[in-house]
Amino acid sequence: MSIKGKNILLGVSGGIGAYKACELLRLFVKAEARVRVIMTEAAQEFVTPLTFQSLGAEEVSTSVFEPKLYSLEHVNWADWGNIMVIAPCTANVIGKMAGGIADEVLSTQAMAFSGPILLAPAMNVKMYNNKAVQKNIAYLKSIGVNFIGPEVGHLATLITATGRMSDPAVIFSKTRQILLGRNDLKGKRVVVGAGPTREPLDPVRYISNYSSGKMGYALAEAAIGFGADVTLISGPSNIPVPPGVNIIRVETASQMQSEIERFCIGADYLYMAAAVSDFKPASFQKQKIKRTEQGLKLVLHPNPDILKSLGKNRPQIVVGFALEIENLEARAFDKLRDKRLDMIVANNPSEEGVGFGSDYNRVTILTRQGKPVKLEKLPKFDVAIRIIEESIKLRKRDVPKNKR
């Protein structure tokens, strides 16, 4: 399920984190969601309604007594939204929601809204740890309200503690997971490999590739949305970790292999989207290699093929990825058979708009028995959903496996 075309009510309450709501709005708009913003009076002391309007909000509401909100319009807004996200969410707003108080525009909209609600708390650590606040949070969770954060970070009081609002990209990710809201993988263990690996040459240099990790992180995020227990084995990447994902960070191909094998014990699915280095230097130089006019002869040895070497602990469904410039399907199918995979996802990074670092991908999904499934150019999160859906279908078919 794409976030495109979804109706999002973005609530903004009065805290220094209100400026981050601008970035969150930008992420929603970039994903082609429709957003209406609801601001408390205190929020307007930090960010103006004009800012949100300029960033793409369809409408901005600041009072229940606005002409457009009089005559029960607040109920119409509640019916319009697919999800309500309040970021930042202060202790005051949390208390009002827990106590059933609707005395201004945001609390009124929240009371009228019957869909999923996501709160991103932001407040001073002493306020957050207050017993009344914790009781209110516990109660709201018990009735199905979703929370993301707060995180440990640098607060407005110039201390580092719990209370900082989650990063907008993390809130965006959690919003997509909630909107996906499926249980196809509930109780299932999923392992995802993502990002590049680095093979050190000397203390300051390494061999790597251009992989950003976006496809693997999208798979991990989507798998959470399907209800799975997800472990993400990631090479170096600066992408925020999707909410709910167990992250294991590695550097080299050998470290990736070790962690993949460890977490595949008892796992149901493996999606190996990592761009593992095919080669590593034959030796590591303990001192920085000095520049010489004679140049440098570099000897490389092959890294182990992680998927091909999976042993008896391989999950029931193993999905590989093939990056090919020529003869895409034929070469991908050869890898499918050679590595004893259940499914392989093939893509050509030279195609315009789907290369390394892009938010989009165009892939072909192949299995050993079925016809190739060719996807149009889609956001990587949507591609991830389709990959997971196809793998679920494959598992349900329970095709006999020669590899076992």
Protein backbone atom coordinates (compact mmCIF):
# COMPACT_ATOMS: atom_id res chain seq x y z
CA MET A 1 0.00 0.00 0.00
CA SER A 2 1.50 3.29 -1.07
CA ILE A 3 1.03 6.39 1.06
CA LYS A 4 0.20 8.15 -2.20
CA GLY A 5 -3.31 9.61 -2.10
CA LYS A 6 -3.79 8.89 1.61
CA ASN A 7 -5.39 11.56 3.78
CA ILE A 8 -3.26 12.51 6.77
CA LEU A 9 -4.24 14.76 9.65
CA LEU A 10 -1.02 16.23 11.05
CA GLY A 11 -1.45 17.66 14.54
CA VAL A 12 1.18 20.05 15.88
CA SER A 13 1.27 20.99 19.56
CA GLY A 14 3.37 23.56 21.41
CA GLY A 15 6.96 22.44 21.78
CA ILE A 16 10.35 23.22 20.28
CA GLY A 17 10.00 20.06 18.20
CA ALA A 18 7.28 21.85 16.19
CA TYR A 19 9.88 22.88 13.64
CA LYS A 20 10.46 19.19 12.86
CA ALA A 21 6.80 18.89 11.89
CA CYS A 22 7.64 21.00 8.85
CA GLU A 23 10.06 18.32 7.65
CA LEU A 24 7.50 15.60 8.41
CA LEU A 25 4.94 17.46 6.30
CA ARG A 26 7.48 17.71 3.49
CA LEU A 27 8.01 13.93 3.58
CA PHE A 28 4.27 13.28 3.42
CA VAL A 29 3.80 15.70 0.54
CA LYS A 30 6.79 14.27 -1.33
CA ALA A 31 5.15 10.84 -1.06
CA GLU A 32 2.01 12.40 -2.62
CA ALA A 33 -0.15 12.12 0.47
CA ARG A 34 -2.82 14.73 1.15
CA VAL A 35 -2.22 16.54 4.41
CA ARG A 36 -4.28 18.84 6.59
CA VAL A 37 -2.56 20.44 9.56
CA ILE A 38 -4.13 21.15 12.95
CA MET A 39 -2.21 23.53 15.23
CA THR A 40 -2.72 24.38 18.86
CA GLU A 41 -2.38 27.99 19.95
CA ALA A 42 0.95 27.19 21.60
CA ALA A 43 2.27 25.54 18.41
CA GLN A 44 1.78 28.84 16.57
CA GLU A 45 4.31 30.43 18.93
CA PHE A 46 6.98 28.20 17.35
CA VAL A 47 5.84 27.84 13.70
CA THR A 48 3.30 29.87 11.75
CA PRO A 49 0.36 28.40 9.83
CA LEU A 50 1.76 30.06 6.71
CA THR A 51 4.85 27.84 6.94
CA PHE A 52 2.76 24.69 6.67
CA GLN A 53 0.65 26.15 3.88
CA SER A 54 3.81 27.03 1.98
CA LEU A 55 5.14 23.49 2.39
CA GLY A 56 2.08 21.91 0.81
CA ALA A 57 -0.61 21.45 3.44
CA GLU A 58 -4.05 21.51 1.83
CA GLU A 59 -5.50 23.37 4.81
CA VAL A 60 -4.33 24.54 8.23
CA SER A 61 -6.73 24.74 11.16
CA THR A 62 -5.91 26.78 14.27
CA SER A 63 -9.24 27.19 16.07
CA VAL A 64 -12.61 25.47 16.42
CA PHE A 65 -14.20 28.89 15.95
CA GLU A 66 -12.85 29.43 12.45
CA PRO A 67 -15.75 29.84 9.99
CA LYS A 68 -14.64 26.77 8.05
CA LEU A 69 -14.62 24.63 11.22
CA TYR A 70 -17.84 25.93 12.74
CA SER A 71 -20.92 23.88 11.92
CA LEU A 72 -19.41 20.48 12.79
CA GLU A 73 -16.60 20.77 10.26
CA HIS A 74 -14.27 19.17 12.81
CA VAL A 75 -16.28 15.97 12.39
CA ASN A 76 -15.88 16.19 8.62
CA TRP A 77 -12.11 16.48 8.99
CA ALA A 78 -12.14 13.42 11.23
CA ASP A 79 -14.08 11.47 8.61
CA TRP A 80 -11.67 12.66 5.90
CA GLY A 81 -8.46 11.36 7.50
CA ASN A 82 -6.99 7.89 7.07
CA ILE A 83 -4.63 8.48 9.98
CA MET A 84 -3.91 11.20 12.55
CA VAL A 85 -0.29 11.93 13.43
CA ILE A 86 0.48 14.36 16.26
CA ALA A 87 4.11 15.50 16.20
CA PRO A 88 5.26 16.89 18.49
CA CYS A 89 2.80 15.67 21.08
CA THR A 90 3.16 17.42 24.43
CA ALA A 91 2.31 16.05 27.87
CA ASN A 92 -0.65 18.42 27.84
CA VAL A 93 -2.16 16.92 24.69
CA ILE A 94 -1.49 13.38 25.93
CA GLY A 95 -3.31 14.24 29.16
CA LYS A 96 -6.28 15.71 27.34
CA MET A 97 -6.62 12.65 25.11
CA ALA A 98 -6.37 10.28 28.07
CA GLY A 99 -8.92 12.29 30.03
CA GLY A 100 -11.39 12.79 27.20
CA ILE A 101 -10.97 16.58 27.16
CA ALA A 102 -11.69 18.51 23.97
CA ASP A 103 -11.23 22.20 24.72
CA GLU A 104 -9.34 23.39 21.62
CA VAL A 105 -9.02 22.42 17.98
CA LEU A 106 -6.45 19.60 18.20
CA SER A 107 -7.97 17.76 21.16
CA THR A 108 -11.41 18.18 19.58
CA GLN A 109 -10.23 16.66 16.29
CA ALA A 110 -8.48 13.84 18.15
CA MET A 111 -11.65 13.02 20.08
CA ALA A 112 -13.73 12.96 16.90
CA PHE A 113 -11.22 10.84 14.97
CA SER A 114 -11.94 7.10 14.91
CA GLY A 115 -9.04 5.91 12.75
CA PRO A 116 -5.47 5.01 13.75
CA ILE A 117 -3.62 7.66 15.76
CA LEU A 118 0.16 8.01 16.05
CA LEU A 119 1.66 10.21 18.76
CA ALA A 120 5.28 11.41 18.77
CA PRO A 121 5.87 12.69 22.31
CA ALA A 122 8.36 15.50 22.95
CA MET A 123 8.95 17.06 26.35
CA ASN A 124 11.41 17.58 29.16
CA VAL A 125 12.67 14.35 30.70
CA LYS A 126 11.18 15.21 34.13
CA MET A 127 7.78 15.76 32.53
CA TYR A 128 8.08 12.52 30.57
CA ASN A 129 8.96 10.54 33.69
CA ASN A 130 6.13 12.09 35.70
CA LYS A 131 3.87 9.31 36.98
CA ALA A 132 0.73 10.98 35.68
CA VAL A 133 2.21 11.29 32.18
CA GLN A 134 3.35 7.66 32.20
CA LYS A 135 -0.09 6.59 33.39
CA ASN A 136 -1.73 8.55 30.55
CA ILE A 137 0.64 7.03 27.98
CA ALA A 138 -0.02 3.53 29.29
CA TYR A 139 -3.77 4.10 29.12
CA LEU A 140 -3.67 5.45 25.56
CA LYS A 141 -1.56 2.47 24.48
CA SER A 142 -4.08 0.12 26.09
CA ILE A 143 -6.88 1.52 23.91
CA GLY A 144 -4.87 1.20 20.70
CA VAL A 145 -3.13 4.57 20.29
CA ASN A 146 0.29 4.19 18.64
CA PHE A 147 3.43 5.86 19.96
CA ILE A 148 6.84 6.53 18.42
CA GLY A 149 9.59 7.77 20.72
CA PRO A 150 10.58 9.89 22.49
CA GLU A 151 14.29 9.37 21.96
CA VAL A 152 17.37 10.12 24.00
CA GLY A 153 18.91 13.31 22.72
CA HIS A 154 19.91 16.90 23.33
CA LEU A 155 16.91 18.71 24.84
CA ALA A 156 16.02 22.40 24.97
CA THR A 157 17.25 22.48 28.58
CA LEU A 158 20.76 21.72 27.27
CA ILE A 159 20.92 18.24 28.75
CA THR A 160 20.99 14.85 27.03
CA ALA A 161 18.08 12.70 28.15
CA THR A 162 14.87 11.00 27.03
CA GLY A 163 12.32 13.43 25.63
CA ARG A 164 13.42 14.42 22.14
CA MET A 165 10.90 13.91 19.36
CA SER A 166 11.72 11.08 16.98
CA ASP A 167 13.31 11.98 13.66
CA PRO A 168 10.70 12.94 11.03
CA ALA A 169 11.93 10.11 8.76
CA VAL A 170 11.26 7.60 11.55
CA ILE A 171 7.77 9.02 12.16
CA PHE A 172 7.12 8.87 8.42
CA SER A 173 8.22 5.23 8.39
CA LYS A 174 5.97 4.36 11.33
CA THR A 175 3.05 6.07 9.61
CA ARG A 176 3.54 3.88 6.53
CA GLN A 177 3.71 0.77 8.67
CA ILE A 178 0.45 1.62 10.42
CA LEU A 179 -1.31 2.36 7.14
CA LEU A 180 -0.08 -0.97 5.75
CA GLY A 181 -1.44 -2.73 8.84
CA ARG A 182 -1.34 -6.35 7.68
CA ASN A 183 -0.85 -9.55 9.67
CA ASP A 184 0.27 -11.95 6.93
CA LEU A 185 3.63 -12.43 8.65
CA LYS A 186 2.47 -12.27 12.25
CA GLY A 187 4.57 -14.68 14.29
CA LYS A 188 7.10 -15.09 11.48
CA ARG A 189 10.79 -14.27 11.76
CA VAL A 190 12.26 -12.28 8.89
CA VAL A 191 15.93 -11.53 8.23
CA VAL A 192 16.93 -8.77 5.81
CA GLY A 193 20.41 -8.05 4.47
CA ALA A 194 20.98 -4.46 3.36
CA GLY A 195 23.56 -1.92 2.32
CA PRO A 196 27.11 -2.30 1.06
CA THR A 197 30.06 -4.00 2.71
CA ARG A 198 33.52 -2.53 3.10
CA GLU A 199 36.74 -4.48 2.68
CA PRO A 200 39.64 -2.66 4.37
CA LEU A 201 42.82 -2.11 2.41
CA ASP A 202 44.73 -0.15 5.04
CA PRO A 203 43.69 1.91 8.10
CA VAL A 204 42.20 4.69 5.94
CA ARG A 205 41.04 2.98 2.72
CA TYR A 206 38.57 0.30 1.76
CA ILE A 207 36.89 -1.32 -1.25
CA SER A 208 33.12 -0.90 -1.42
CA ASN A 209 30.27 -0.06 -3.80
CA TYR A 210 27.57 2.57 -4.31
CA SER A 211 24.74 0.74 -2.54
CA SER A 212 22.70 3.05 -0.29
CA GLY A 213 20.79 0.30 1.52
CA LYS A 214 17.42 1.86 0.65
CA MET A 215 15.91 -1.30 -0.84
CA GLY A 216 16.86 -3.44 2.14
CA TYR A 217 15.65 -0.88 4.66
CA ALA A 218 12.36 -0.62 2.74
CA LEU A 219 11.98 -4.40 2.97
CA ALA A 220 12.59 -4.32 6.72
CA GLU A 221 10.08 -1.50 7.18
CA ALA A 222 7.46 -3.24 5.05
CA ALA A 223 7.95 -6.57 6.82
CA ILE A 224 7.14 -4.85 10.13
CA GLY A 225 3.96 -3.58 8.46
CA PHE A 226 3.12 -7.21 7.64
CA GLY A 227 3.42 -8.09 11.33
CA ALA A 228 6.80 -9.87 11.22
CA ASP A 229 9.60 -9.99 13.78
CA VAL A 230 12.38 -8.38 11.73
CA THR A 231 16.16 -8.40 12.05
CA LEU A 232 18.06 -6.13 9.67
CA ILE A 233 21.72 -7.00 9.02
CA SER A 234 23.08 -3.77 7.59
CA GLY A 235 26.35 -2.66 6.11
CA PRO A 236 27.34 1.01 6.50
CA SER A 237 24.32 3.23 5.87
CA ASN A 238 23.00 6.55 7.17
CA ILE A 239 19.32 5.63 6.67
CA PRO A 240 17.21 5.85 9.86
CA VAL A 241 16.37 2.42 11.25
CA PRO A 242 12.66 1.64 10.68
CA PRO A 243 10.63 1.48 13.92
CA GLY A 244 10.38 -1.98 15.43
CA VAL A 245 13.38 -3.38 13.55
CA ASN A 246 16.24 -5.15 15.34
CA ILE A 247 19.37 -3.69 13.72
CA ILE A 248 22.71 -5.50 13.50
CA ARG A 249 25.48 -3.42 11.95
CA VAL A 250 28.41 -4.95 10.09
CA GLU A 251 31.27 -3.74 7.91
CA THR A 252 32.81 -6.62 5.96
CA ALA A 253 31.42 -9.49 3.90
CA SER A 254 32.67 -12.03 6.46
CA GLN A 255 30.85 -10.16 9.24
CA MET A 256 27.71 -10.05 7.08
CA GLN A 257 27.94 -13.79 6.48
CA SER A 258 28.42 -14.56 10.17
CA GLU A 259 25.38 -12.51 11.25
CA ILE A 260 23.17 -13.76 8.41
CA GLU A 261 23.94 -17.36 9.34
CA ARG A 262 23.34 -16.64 13.04
CA PHE A 263 19.97 -14.98 12.61
CA CYS A 264 18.74 -17.37 9.92
CA ILE A 265 18.56 -20.13 12.55
CA GLY A 266 14.81 -20.57 13.02
CA ALA A 267 13.92 -17.76 10.58
CA ASP A 268 11.07 -18.09 8.09
CA TYR A 269 12.19 -15.63 5.41
CA LEU A 270 15.50 -14.17 4.24
CA TYR A 271 15.56 -11.17 1.90
CA MET A 272 19.18 -10.70 0.89
CA ALA A 273 19.23 -7.20 -0.60
CA ALA A 274 22.75 -6.42 0.61
CA ALA A 275 25.34 -5.52 -2.01
CA VAL A 276 28.13 -7.71 -0.68
CA SER A 277 31.60 -7.04 -2.04
CA ASP A 278 32.64 -9.83 -4.40
CA PHE A 279 36.33 -9.35 -3.60
CA LYS A 280 38.58 -8.37 -0.72
CA PRO A 281 42.25 -7.40 -0.61
CA ALA A 282 44.56 -10.39 -0.28
CA SER A 283 46.17 -8.70 2.70
CA PHE A 284 45.53 -5.79 5.04
CA GLN A 285 48.29 -3.22 5.37
CA LYS A 286 48.67 -2.11 8.99
CA GLN A 287 50.19 1.20 7.91
CA LYS A 288 48.77 3.65 5.39
CA ILE A 289 49.97 2.74 1.92
CA LYS A 290 52.21 5.50 0.66
CA ARG A 291 51.87 7.08 -2.74
CA THR A 292 54.57 6.05 -5.20
CA GLU A 293 55.25 6.93 -8.81
CA GLN A 294 55.39 3.23 -9.66
CA GLY A 295 51.70 2.83 -8.84
CA LEU A 296 50.12 0.04 -6.82
CA LYS A 297 49.43 -3.56 -7.68
CA LEU A 298 46.38 -4.74 -5.77
CA VAL A 299 45.69 -8.45 -5.38
CA LEU A 300 42.08 -9.39 -4.63
CA HIS A 301 40.62 -12.64 -3.38
CA PRO A 302 36.94 -13.63 -3.77
CA ASN A 303 34.61 -13.30 -0.81
CA PRO A 304 32.37 -16.27 0.04
CA ASP A 305 28.96 -16.37 -1.63
CA ILE A 306 26.69 -15.91 1.40
CA LEU A 307 23.50 -17.26 -0.17
CA LYS A 308 25.18 -20.17 -1.90
CA SER A 309 26.90 -21.24 1.29
CA LEU A 310 23.79 -21.20 3.50
CA GLY A 311 23.60 -24.58 5.15
CA LYS A 312 20.92 -26.56 6.94
CA ASN A 313 19.68 -23.48 8.78
CA ARG A 314 18.48 -21.69 5.64
CA PRO A 315 14.96 -20.24 6.07
CA GLN A 316 12.00 -21.75 4.25
CA ILE A 317 11.95 -18.85 1.77
CA VAL A 318 15.22 -17.32 0.57
CA VAL A 319 15.02 -14.29 -1.72
CA GLY A 320 18.11 -13.02 -3.51
CA PHE A 321 18.77 -9.94 -5.62
CA ALA A 322 20.51 -9.68 -8.96
CA LEU A 323 21.91 -6.44 -10.33
CA GLU A 324 22.57 -6.87 -14.04
CA ILE A 325 23.22 -4.51 -16.93
CA GLU A 326 22.73 -7.03 -19.75
CA ASN A 327 20.53 -10.11 -20.23
CA LEU A 328 18.74 -9.28 -17.00
CA GLU A 329 16.29 -12.18 -16.72
CA ALA A 330 18.60 -14.88 -18.09
CA ARG A 331 21.46 -14.01 -15.76
CA ALA A 332 19.13 -13.59 -12.81
CA PHE A 333 17.60 -17.00 -13.45
CA ASP A 334 21.06 -18.57 -13.60
CA LYS A 335 21.76 -17.11 -10.16
CA LEU A 336 18.40 -18.36 -8.91
CA ARG A 337 19.33 -21.94 -9.77
CA ASP A 338 23.01 -21.74 -8.89
CA LYS A 339 22.37 -20.33 -5.41
CA ARG A 340 19.33 -22.59 -4.82
CA LEU A 341 17.02 -19.64 -4.19
CA ASP A 342 13.24 -19.62 -3.99
CA MET A 343 12.96 -16.19 -5.59
CA ILE A 344 15.22 -13.60 -7.10
CA VAL A 345 14.62 -9.89 -7.68
CA ALA A 346 16.42 -8.51 -10.72
CA ASN A 347 17.02 -4.89 -11.61
CA ASN A 348 19.15 -2.82 -13.98
CA PRO A 349 20.73 0.15 -12.15
CA SER A 350 21.63 1.85 -15.42
CA GLU A 351 17.97 2.63 -16.13
CA GLU A 352 17.09 6.28 -15.61
CA GLY A 353 15.69 7.14 -12.19
CA VAL A 354 16.27 3.75 -10.55
CA GLY A 355 20.02 3.74 -9.97
CA PHE A 356 22.02 3.66 -6.77
CA GLY A 357 20.64 5.96 -4.10
CA SER A 358 17.30 6.46 -5.86
CA ASP A 359 14.03 6.29 -3.92
CA TYR A 360 12.54 4.32 -6.83
CA ASN A 361 13.15 0.93 -8.38
CA ARG A 362 11.95 -1.12 -11.34
CA VAL A 363 12.36 -4.83 -10.84
CA THR A 364 11.49 -8.23 -12.25
CA ILE A 365 10.63 -10.99 -9.76
CA LEU A 366 11.49 -14.52 -10.80
CA THR A 367 10.83 -17.92 -9.23
CA ARG A 368 11.83 -21.38 -10.40
CA GLN A 369 8.31 -22.35 -11.47
CA GLY A 370 6.29 -19.19 -12.04
CA LYS A 371 6.28 -16.58 -14.78
CA PRO A 372 8.37 -13.44 -14.25
CA VAL A 373 6.53 -10.62 -12.48
CA LYS A 374 7.59 -7.30 -13.96
CA LEU A 375 6.90 -4.21 -11.87
CA GLU A 376 6.68 -0.68 -13.14
CA LYS A 377 8.84 2.04 -11.67
CA LEU A 378 7.67 2.39 -8.05
CA PRO A 379 8.87 3.82 -4.74
CA LYS A 380 11.13 1.25 -3.08
CA PHE A 381 8.68 0.83 -0.20
CA ASP A 382 5.98 -0.20 -2.68
CA VAL A 383 8.45 -2.52 -4.43
CA ALA A 384 9.21 -4.05 -1.04
CA ILE A 385 5.52 -4.71 -0.43
CA ARG A 386 5.20 -6.50 -3.78
CA ILE A 387 8.31 -8.59 -3.12
CA ILE A 388 6.97 -9.66 0.27
CA GLU A 389 3.53 -10.42 -1.19
CA GLU A 390 5.07 -12.64 -3.89
CA SER A 391 7.21 -14.46 -1.32
CA ILE A 392 4.15 -15.09 0.87
CA LYS A 393 2.33 -16.56 -2.14
CA LEU A 394 5.30 -18.79 -2.83
CA ARG A 395 5.40 -20.07 0.74
CA LYS A 396 1.67 -20.80 0.70
CA ARG A 397 2.06 -22.85 -2.47
CA ASP A 398 4.53 -25.01 -0.54
CA VAL A 399 6.45 -25.93 -3.66
CA PRO A 400 8.69 -28.97 -3.08
CA LYS A 401 12.30 -27.89 -2.83
CA ASN A 402 15.13 -29.88 -4.36
CA LYS A 403 17.54 -27.86 -2.27
CA ARG A 404 16.49 -29.50 0.98
